Amino acid sequence: MKEAEGLAEVRAFIERMKQHNGEEVRSVQFPVGVDAYMRDRVLAGDYETVSFMHRLAWMFGVQVGQAASQIQQQGNAPTKKRVEA
């Protein structure tokens, strides 16, 4: 897959997620200072730190997804609505 195609797919995915789960995701409160730190890193052009934070969140999400999958396979699926990809 060419980079431009990958970029288009990521952009479309993020837009779908914003439309489908935007309100719920925007309601999540970060600990004090996280938003300011992220904004500071973005404005400073610190791609390395922003990318690290994104990768860390991605890894946590994968781990949670795997755990949820195991729970579902055991028949103990949670009943609370979750953000869906």
Protein backbone atom coordinates (compact mmCIF):
# COMPACT_ATOMS: atom_id res chain seq x y z
CA MET A 1 0.00 0.00 0.00
CA LYS A 2 1.36 3.38 -0.92
CA GLU A 3 1.72 6.04 1.75
CA ALA A 4 -0.93 8.27 0.15
CA GLU A 5 -3.44 5.40 0.22
CA GLY A 6 -2.60 4.64 3.84
CA LEU A 7 -3.00 8.31 4.73
CA ALA A 8 -6.41 8.43 3.03
CA GLU A 9 -7.54 5.31 4.91
CA VAL A 10 -6.38 6.68 8.27
CA ARG A 11 -8.05 10.03 7.59
CA ALA A 12 -11.33 8.31 6.63
CA PHE A 13 -11.17 6.04 9.70
CA ILE A 14 -10.59 8.96 12.08
CA GLU A 15 -13.46 10.92 10.51
CA ARG A 16 -15.80 7.92 10.90
CA MET A 17 -14.75 7.53 14.53
CA LYS A 18 -15.32 11.24 15.19
CA GLN A 19 -18.81 10.98 13.69
CA HIS A 20 -19.71 7.72 15.39
CA ASN A 21 -18.04 8.19 18.81
CA GLY A 22 -17.08 11.87 18.91
CA GLU A 23 -19.32 12.97 21.74
CA GLU A 24 -18.31 10.10 24.00
CA VAL A 25 -14.60 10.48 23.27
CA ARG A 26 -14.66 14.27 23.75
CA SER A 27 -16.31 13.77 27.15
CA VAL A 28 -13.27 11.87 28.48
CA GLN A 29 -11.42 14.00 31.00
CA PHE A 30 -7.63 13.77 31.00
CA PRO A 31 -5.72 14.35 34.22
CA VAL A 32 -4.83 18.01 34.80
CA GLY A 33 -1.98 19.07 32.54
CA VAL A 34 -2.29 16.42 29.82
CA ASP A 35 -4.12 18.63 27.31
CA ALA A 36 -1.72 21.52 27.93
CA TYR A 37 1.29 19.22 27.56
CA MET A 38 -0.03 17.75 24.30
CA ARG A 39 -0.83 21.20 22.90
CA ASP A 40 2.67 22.38 23.90
CA ARG A 41 4.33 19.42 22.17
CA VAL A 42 2.24 19.88 18.99
CA LEU A 43 2.94 23.61 18.82
CA ALA A 44 6.64 22.96 19.43
CA GLY A 45 6.65 20.52 16.51
CA ASP A 46 7.81 17.70 18.80
CA TYR A 47 6.72 14.85 16.55
CA GLU A 48 8.80 12.30 18.46
CA THR A 49 6.94 12.87 21.75
CA VAL A 50 3.50 13.11 20.11
CA SER A 51 4.20 9.92 18.17
CA PHE A 52 5.39 8.18 21.35
CA MET A 53 2.20 9.18 23.18
CA HIS A 54 0.11 7.94 20.28
CA ARG A 55 1.95 4.61 20.13
CA LEU A 56 1.60 4.19 23.89
CA ALA A 57 -2.16 4.79 23.68
CA TRP A 58 -2.36 2.39 20.71
CA MET A 59 -0.57 -0.34 22.69
CA PHE A 60 -2.91 0.16 25.65
CA GLY A 61 -5.90 -0.05 23.32
CA VAL A 62 -4.65 -3.28 21.78
CA GLN A 63 -4.14 -4.79 25.23
CA VAL A 64 -7.64 -3.77 26.34
CA GLY A 65 -9.09 -5.16 23.11
CA GLN A 66 -7.34 -8.48 23.61
CA ALA A 67 -8.53 -8.69 27.21
CA ALA A 68 -12.11 -7.86 26.15
CA SER A 69 -11.93 -10.53 23.46
CA GLN A 70 -10.84 -13.12 26.01
CA ILE A 71 -13.64 -12.12 28.38
CA GLN A 72 -16.17 -12.35 25.53
CA GLN A 73 -14.92 -15.80 24.58
CA GLN A 74 -15.42 -16.88 28.19
CA GLY A 75 -19.03 -15.66 28.08
CA ASN A 76 -18.53 -12.75 30.48
CA ALA A 77 -19.02 -9.89 28.03
CA PRO A 78 -19.46 -6.43 29.60
CA THR A 79 -22.87 -4.82 29.23
CA LYS A 80 -21.75 -1.16 29.16
CA LYS A 81 -21.54 0.43 25.70
CA ARG A 82 -17.98 0.98 24.57
CA VAL A 83 -16.46 3.15 21.85
CA GLU A 84 -16.39 0.97 18.74
CA ALA A 85 -13.96 1.01 15.83
